[in-house]
Amino acid sequence: MLRAAVLLLDGAAPDASPIRRLFRAAVLAAGIWLVSPPAAAERIEVVSAELRTAAEGDGIELDASFDFDLPWTLEDAVNGGVPLYFVIEFELYRARWYWFDERRAGATLTYRLSYSPLTRQYRLSRGTLALPFETLGAALASLRRVSRWTVFERNALVPGSRHAAQLRMRLDSTQLPRPFQMGAVTGRDWTLASEWKNVPVGPELVR
């Protein structure tokens, strides 16, 4: 039934207008909410993650890479004018044998992936920085890599202690328009996320 509704929309309006595409994506989101069983998809893989000292200052930087593809529903939503927000989260802990591990630092990086029908370009934004891309594939290739991200200061590390760090990436469904948030509750394609990945904290980082 859902597929038939989508085909009906496509056949009724042969032009790929932004309004029609946005409405089509909303229909998909609503349909997923109705017919999909609850699921927590883990479609993002953390391929690599490495901490290193910054060239200047006392910051500790992270280089990481991810592997994932957008499900067709998310791709259709982006092309219909719905921005997607991806969040990369990092946490640092100090091990304690007598109590729970102590959280020493945390950092969050948010990317906004969007499409402009006027310029026919995709944009990947982080804070005030925005980069244009001619194709969705090029924008995703940039999103899959993060380099020289300062995640904490060196004084967060306690000499003589063991430390553990973890990293993940996820689609932030809370920043979707409200109709799409309904689909994200149960829709497998709208719960794009990775598991937490352990990041080695080498002794060379502690002074």
C-alpha atoms as a PDB file:
ATOM      1  CA  MET A   1       0.000   0.000   0.000  1.00  0.00           C
ATOM      2  CA  LEU A   2       2.781   2.405   0.897  1.00  0.00           C
ATOM      3  CA  ARG A   3       4.660   1.691  -2.329  1.00  0.00           C
ATOM      4  CA  ALA A   4       1.469   2.152  -4.318  1.00  0.00           C
ATOM      5  CA  ALA A   5       0.894   5.559  -2.724  1.00  0.00           C
ATOM      6  CA  VAL A   6       4.414   6.621  -3.639  1.00  0.00           C
ATOM      7  CA  LEU A   7       3.969   5.449  -7.219  1.00  0.00           C
ATOM      8  CA  LEU A   8       0.656   7.278  -7.396  1.00  0.00           C
ATOM      9  CA  LEU A   9       2.323  10.483  -6.290  1.00  0.00           C
ATOM     10  CA  ASP A  10       5.079  10.034  -8.851  1.00  0.00           C
ATOM     11  CA  GLY A  11       2.615   9.390 -11.637  1.00  0.00           C
ATOM     12  CA  ALA A  12       0.307  12.258 -10.726  1.00  0.00           C
ATOM     13  CA  ALA A  13       3.062  14.865 -10.906  1.00  0.00           C
ATOM     14  CA  PRO A  14       5.846  14.069 -13.405  1.00  0.00           C
ATOM     15  CA  ASP A  15       7.838  17.213 -12.532  1.00  0.00           C
ATOM     16  CA  ALA A  16      10.342  16.824  -9.678  1.00  0.00           C
ATOM     17  CA  SER A  17       9.224  19.962  -7.846  1.00  0.00           C
ATOM     18  CA  PRO A  18      10.557  20.503  -4.315  1.00  0.00           C
ATOM     19  CA  ILE A  19       7.032  20.594  -2.872  1.00  0.00           C
ATOM     20  CA  ARG A  20       6.095  17.257  -4.426  1.00  0.00           C
ATOM     21  CA  ARG A  21       9.336  15.650  -3.299  1.00  0.00           C
ATOM     22  CA  LEU A  22       8.884  16.945   0.239  1.00  0.00           C
ATOM     23  CA  PHE A  23       5.311  15.651   0.344  1.00  0.00           C
ATOM     24  CA  ARG A  24       6.469  12.298  -1.016  1.00  0.00           C
ATOM     25  CA  ALA A  25       9.089  12.028   1.741  1.00  0.00           C
ATOM     26  CA  ALA A  26       6.469  12.878   4.352  1.00  0.00           C
ATOM     27  CA  VAL A  27       4.210  10.117   3.025  1.00  0.00           C
ATOM     28  CA  LEU A  28       7.102   7.685   3.307  1.00  0.00           C
ATOM     29  CA  ALA A  29       7.803   8.738   6.871  1.00  0.00           C
ATOM     30  CA  ALA A  30       4.175   8.351   7.880  1.00  0.00           C
ATOM     31  CA  GLY A  31       3.953   4.987   6.159  1.00  0.00           C
ATOM     32  CA  ILE A  32       7.067   3.689   7.876  1.00  0.00           C
ATOM     33  CA  TRP A  33       5.629   4.733  11.226  1.00  0.00           C
ATOM     34  CA  LEU A  34       2.484   2.716  10.494  1.00  0.00           C
ATOM     35  CA  VAL A  35       3.912  -0.471   9.033  1.00  0.00           C
ATOM     36  CA  SER A  36       7.460  -0.908  10.350  1.00  0.00           C
ATOM     37  CA  PRO A  37       8.166  -2.962  13.476  1.00  0.00           C
ATOM     38  CA  PRO A  38      10.294  -1.374  16.197  1.00  0.00           C
ATOM     39  CA  ALA A  39      13.976  -1.567  15.336  1.00  0.00           C
ATOM     40  CA  ALA A  40      17.250   0.023  16.309  1.00  0.00           C
ATOM     41  CA  ALA A  41      19.280  -0.140  13.114  1.00  0.00           C
ATOM     42  CA  GLU A  42      23.038  -0.072  13.392  1.00  0.00           C
ATOM     43  CA  ARG A  43      24.003   0.877   9.874  1.00  0.00           C
ATOM     44  CA  ILE A  44      27.022   3.100  10.593  1.00  0.00           C
ATOM     45  CA  GLU A  45      30.385   1.472  11.230  1.00  0.00           C
ATOM     46  CA  VAL A  46      33.253   3.236  12.976  1.00  0.00           C
ATOM     47  CA  VAL A  47      36.116   2.090  10.748  1.00  0.00           C
ATOM     48  CA  SER A  48      39.010   3.793  12.527  1.00  0.00           C
ATOM     49  CA  ALA A  49      39.629   6.182  15.410  1.00  0.00           C
ATOM     50  CA  GLU A  50      42.964   7.496  16.651  1.00  0.00           C
ATOM     51  CA  LEU A  51      43.974  10.085  19.257  1.00  0.00           C
ATOM     52  CA  ARG A  52      47.072  12.223  18.908  1.00  0.00           C
ATOM     53  CA  THR A  53      48.636  15.292  20.434  1.00  0.00           C
ATOM     54  CA  ALA A  54      47.957  18.572  18.676  1.00  0.00           C
ATOM     55  CA  ALA A  55      50.836  20.221  16.852  1.00  0.00           C
ATOM     56  CA  GLU A  56      50.350  23.302  19.029  1.00  0.00           C
ATOM     57  CA  GLY A  57      48.902  23.760  22.484  1.00  0.00           C
ATOM     58  CA  ASP A  58      47.752  21.076  24.931  1.00  0.00           C
ATOM     59  CA  GLY A  59      44.815  19.716  22.983  1.00  0.00           C
ATOM     60  CA  ILE A  60      44.302  16.053  22.100  1.00  0.00           C
ATOM     61  CA  GLU A  61      42.942  15.567  18.591  1.00  0.00           C
ATOM     62  CA  LEU A  62      40.928  12.757  17.026  1.00  0.00           C
ATOM     63  CA  ASP A  63      41.067  11.374  13.502  1.00  0.00           C
ATOM     64  CA  ALA A  64      38.229   9.019  12.627  1.00  0.00           C
ATOM     65  CA  SER A  65      36.497   7.452   9.654  1.00  0.00           C
ATOM     66  CA  PHE A  66      33.032   5.954   9.254  1.00  0.00           C
ATOM     67  CA  ASP A  67      31.335   3.731   6.715  1.00  0.00           C
ATOM     68  CA  PHE A  68      27.638   3.977   5.852  1.00  0.00           C
ATOM     69  CA  ASP A  69      25.165   4.607   3.058  1.00  0.00           C
ATOM     70  CA  LEU A  70      21.927   6.530   3.277  1.00  0.00           C
ATOM     71  CA  PRO A  71      18.788   4.366   3.072  1.00  0.00           C
ATOM     72  CA  TRP A  72      16.654   5.382   0.101  1.00  0.00           C
ATOM     73  CA  THR A  73      14.065   6.994   2.374  1.00  0.00           C
ATOM     74  CA  LEU A  74      16.668   9.328   3.875  1.00  0.00           C
ATOM     75  CA  GLU A  75      18.142  10.104   0.469  1.00  0.00           C
ATOM     76  CA  ASP A  76      14.685  10.938  -0.817  1.00  0.00           C
ATOM     77  CA  ALA A  77      14.056  13.165   2.200  1.00  0.00           C
ATOM     78  CA  VAL A  78      17.265  15.128   1.626  1.00  0.00           C
ATOM     79  CA  ASN A  79      16.469  15.609  -2.048  1.00  0.00           C
ATOM     80  CA  GLY A  80      13.001  16.772  -0.994  1.00  0.00           C
ATOM     81  CA  GLY A  81      14.435  19.564   1.144  1.00  0.00           C
ATOM     82  CA  VAL A  82      14.613  17.885   4.560  1.00  0.00           C
ATOM     83  CA  PRO A  83      17.951  18.581   6.308  1.00  0.00           C
ATOM     84  CA  LEU A  84      19.579  15.707   8.171  1.00  0.00           C
ATOM     85  CA  TYR A  85      21.663  16.216  11.301  1.00  0.00           C
ATOM     86  CA  PHE A  86      24.483  13.796  12.116  1.00  0.00           C
ATOM     87  CA  VAL A  87      26.095  13.856  15.553  1.00  0.00           C
ATOM     88  CA  ILE A  88      29.532  12.477  16.433  1.00  0.00           C
ATOM     89  CA  GLU A  89      29.993  11.912  20.169  1.00  0.00           C
ATOM     90  CA  PHE A  90      33.222  11.307  22.071  1.00  0.00           C
ATOM     91  CA  GLU A  91      33.688  10.450  25.756  1.00  0.00           C
ATOM     92  CA  LEU A  92      36.769   9.971  27.944  1.00  0.00           C
ATOM     93  CA  TYR A  93      36.771   8.053  31.233  1.00  0.00           C
ATOM     94  CA  ARG A  94      39.303   7.295  33.981  1.00  0.00           C
ATOM     95  CA  ALA A  95      39.105   3.767  35.366  1.00  0.00           C
ATOM     96  CA  ARG A  96      38.495   3.453  39.125  1.00  0.00           C
ATOM     97  CA  TRP A  97      38.585   0.052  40.837  1.00  0.00           C
ATOM     98  CA  TYR A  98      36.668   1.243  43.885  1.00  0.00           C
ATOM     99  CA  TRP A  99      33.800   3.031  42.117  1.00  0.00           C
ATOM    100  CA  PHE A 100      32.241   3.756  38.750  1.00  0.00           C
ATOM    101  CA  ASP A 101      34.580   5.068  36.072  1.00  0.00           C
ATOM    102  CA  GLU A 102      35.010   8.831  36.216  1.00  0.00           C
ATOM    103  CA  ARG A 103      33.958  10.786  33.135  1.00  0.00           C
ATOM    104  CA  ARG A 104      36.807  13.167  32.426  1.00  0.00           C
ATOM    105  CA  ALA A 105      35.793  14.799  29.142  1.00  0.00           C
ATOM    106  CA  GLY A 106      33.236  14.764  26.361  1.00  0.00           C
ATOM    107  CA  ALA A 107      32.837  16.392  22.954  1.00  0.00           C
ATOM    108  CA  THR A 108      30.107  16.585  20.334  1.00  0.00           C
ATOM    109  CA  LEU A 109      30.293  17.445  16.657  1.00  0.00           C
ATOM    110  CA  THR A 110      27.109  18.161  14.660  1.00  0.00           C
ATOM    111  CA  TYR A 111      26.877  18.157  10.867  1.00  0.00           C
ATOM    112  CA  ARG A 112      23.912  19.394   8.838  1.00  0.00           C
ATOM    113  CA  LEU A 113      23.378  17.763   5.445  1.00  0.00           C
ATOM    114  CA  SER A 114      20.991  19.613   3.128  1.00  0.00           C
ATOM    115  CA  TYR A 115      20.110  20.163  -0.523  1.00  0.00           C
ATOM    116  CA  SER A 116      19.241  23.415  -2.286  1.00  0.00           C
ATOM    117  CA  PRO A 117      17.005  23.016  -5.365  1.00  0.00           C
ATOM    118  CA  LEU A 118      17.896  26.562  -6.439  1.00  0.00           C
ATOM    119  CA  THR A 119      21.630  25.920  -6.738  1.00  0.00           C
ATOM    120  CA  ARG A 120      21.236  22.145  -7.191  1.00  0.00           C
ATOM    121  CA  GLN A 121      23.981  21.662  -4.660  1.00  0.00           C
ATOM    122  CA  TYR A 122      24.323  19.708  -1.447  1.00  0.00           C
ATOM    123  CA  ARG A 123      25.716  21.479   1.596  1.00  0.00           C
ATOM    124  CA  LEU A 124      27.504  20.033   4.598  1.00  0.00           C
ATOM    125  CA  SER A 125      27.568  22.485   7.494  1.00  0.00           C
ATOM    126  CA  ARG A 126      29.372  22.444  10.816  1.00  0.00           C
ATOM    127  CA  GLY A 127      28.730  25.509  12.929  1.00  0.00           C
ATOM    128  CA  THR A 128      29.353  28.551  10.719  1.00  0.00           C
ATOM    129  CA  LEU A 129      31.379  26.539   8.198  1.00  0.00           C
ATOM    130  CA  ALA A 130      29.494  25.236   5.151  1.00  0.00           C
ATOM    131  CA  LEU A 131      30.907  23.392   2.142  1.00  0.00           C
ATOM    132  CA  PRO A 132      29.023  22.929  -1.177  1.00  0.00           C
ATOM    133  CA  PHE A 133      29.069  19.662  -3.132  1.00  0.00           C
ATOM    134  CA  GLU A 134      27.814  18.828  -6.600  1.00  0.00           C
ATOM    135  CA  THR A 135      26.662  15.327  -5.644  1.00  0.00           C
ATOM    136  CA  LEU A 136      25.284  13.598  -2.586  1.00  0.00           C
ATOM    137  CA  GLY A 137      28.069  11.031  -2.821  1.00  0.00           C
ATOM    138  CA  ALA A 138      30.727  13.719  -2.488  1.00  0.00           C
ATOM    139  CA  ALA A 139      28.967  15.241   0.546  1.00  0.00           C
ATOM    140  CA  LEU A 140      28.717  11.826   2.227  1.00  0.00           C
ATOM    141  CA  ALA A 141      32.390  11.104   1.525  1.00  0.00           C
ATOM    142  CA  SER A 142      33.300  14.255   3.452  1.00  0.00           C
ATOM    143  CA  LEU A 143      30.868  13.388   6.253  1.00  0.00           C
ATOM    144  CA  ARG A 144      32.459   9.969   6.688  1.00  0.00           C
ATOM    145  CA  ARG A 145      35.792  11.439   7.804  1.00  0.00           C
ATOM    146  CA  VAL A 146      36.751  13.741  10.664  1.00  0.00           C
ATOM    147  CA  SER A 147      40.283  15.038  11.081  1.00  0.00           C
ATOM    148  CA  ARG A 148      42.129  17.013  13.752  1.00  0.00           C
ATOM    149  CA  TRP A 149      39.079  17.363  15.967  1.00  0.00           C
ATOM    150  CA  THR A 150      40.133  18.557  19.420  1.00  0.00           C
ATOM    151  CA  VAL A 151      38.183  16.365  21.840  1.00  0.00           C
ATOM    152  CA  PHE A 152      39.824  17.245  25.173  1.00  0.00           C
ATOM    153  CA  GLU A 153      42.765  18.994  26.821  1.00  0.00           C
ATOM    154  CA  ARG A 154      45.769  17.056  28.095  1.00  0.00           C
ATOM    155  CA  ASN A 155      45.018  17.956  31.726  1.00  0.00           C
ATOM    156  CA  ALA A 156      41.926  15.711  31.513  1.00  0.00           C
ATOM    157  CA  LEU A 157      44.312  12.740  31.696  1.00  0.00           C
ATOM    158  CA  VAL A 158      45.444  11.708  35.177  1.00  0.00           C
ATOM    159  CA  PRO A 159      49.062  10.473  35.344  1.00  0.00           C
ATOM    160  CA  GLY A 160      49.335   6.919  36.630  1.00  0.00           C
ATOM    161  CA  SER A 161      45.700   6.090  35.805  1.00  0.00           C
ATOM    162  CA  ARG A 162      44.126   3.956  33.097  1.00  0.00           C
ATOM    163  CA  HIS A 163      41.831   5.747  30.674  1.00  0.00           C
ATOM    164  CA  ALA A 164      39.186   4.586  28.223  1.00  0.00           C
ATOM    165  CA  ALA A 165      37.557   6.485  25.384  1.00  0.00           C
ATOM    166  CA  GLN A 166      34.642   5.764  23.084  1.00  0.00           C
ATOM    167  CA  LEU A 167      33.141   7.232  19.925  1.00  0.00           C
ATOM    168  CA  ARG A 168      29.946   6.934  17.933  1.00  0.00           C
ATOM    169  CA  MET A 169      27.987   8.596  15.106  1.00  0.00           C
ATOM    170  CA  ARG A 170      24.207   8.800  14.820  1.00  0.00           C
ATOM    171  CA  LEU A 171      21.429  10.536  12.953  1.00  0.00           C
ATOM    172  CA  ASP A 172      19.785  13.009  15.335  1.00  0.00           C
ATOM    173  CA  SER A 173      16.096  12.310  14.724  1.00  0.00           C
ATOM    174  CA  THR A 174      15.066  14.948  17.286  1.00  0.00           C
ATOM    175  CA  GLN A 175      16.076  17.645  14.806  1.00  0.00           C
ATOM    176  CA  LEU A 176      13.902  16.264  12.006  1.00  0.00           C
ATOM    177  CA  PRO A 177      10.622  18.031  11.160  1.00  0.00           C
ATOM    178  CA  ARG A 178       7.829  16.705  13.373  1.00  0.00           C
ATOM    179  CA  PRO A 179       6.151  14.440  10.744  1.00  0.00           C
ATOM    180  CA  PHE A 180       9.472  12.677  10.205  1.00  0.00           C
ATOM    181  CA  GLN A 181      10.064  12.264  13.931  1.00  0.00           C
ATOM    182  CA  MET A 182       7.006   9.988  13.995  1.00  0.00           C
ATOM    183  CA  GLY A 183       8.633   7.751  11.392  1.00  0.00           C
ATOM    184  CA  ALA A 184      11.906   7.775  13.322  1.00  0.00           C
ATOM    185  CA  VAL A 185      10.191   6.208  16.348  1.00  0.00           C
ATOM    186  CA  THR A 186       9.860   2.818  14.657  1.00  0.00           C
ATOM    187  CA  GLY A 187      11.286   3.172  11.148  1.00  0.00           C
ATOM    188  CA  ARG A 188      14.509   1.224  10.614  1.00  0.00           C
ATOM    189  CA  ASP A 189      15.704   3.670   7.951  1.00  0.00           C
ATOM    190  CA  TRP A 190      15.293   6.602  10.314  1.00  0.00           C
ATOM    191  CA  THR A 191      17.395   5.211  13.164  1.00  0.00           C
ATOM    192  CA  LEU A 192      20.784   5.410  11.483  1.00  0.00           C
ATOM    193  CA  ALA A 193      23.470   4.948  14.147  1.00  0.00           C
ATOM    194  CA  SER A 194      26.653   3.152  15.108  1.00  0.00           C
ATOM    195  CA  GLU A 195      27.590   1.291  18.237  1.00  0.00           C
ATOM    196  CA  TRP A 196      30.036   2.875  20.662  1.00  0.00           C
ATOM    197  CA  LYS A 197      33.583   2.216  19.432  1.00  0.00           C
ATOM    198  CA  ASN A 198      36.497   1.959  21.863  1.00  0.00           C
ATOM    199  CA  VAL A 199      39.308   4.422  21.137  1.00  0.00           C
ATOM    200  CA  PRO A 200      42.811   3.548  22.436  1.00  0.00           C
ATOM    201  CA  VAL A 201      44.288   6.069  24.880  1.00  0.00           C
ATOM    202  CA  GLY A 202      48.043   5.528  24.687  1.00  0.00           C
ATOM    203  CA  PRO A 203      50.474   6.346  27.503  1.00  0.00           C
ATOM    204  CA  GLU A 204      52.289   8.759  25.200  1.00  0.00           C
ATOM    205  CA  LEU A 205      49.378  11.171  25.587  1.00  0.00           C
ATOM    206  CA  VAL A 206      49.961  11.534  29.341  1.00  0.00           C
ATOM    207  CA  ARG A 207      52.735  13.812  30.571  1.00  0.00           C
END
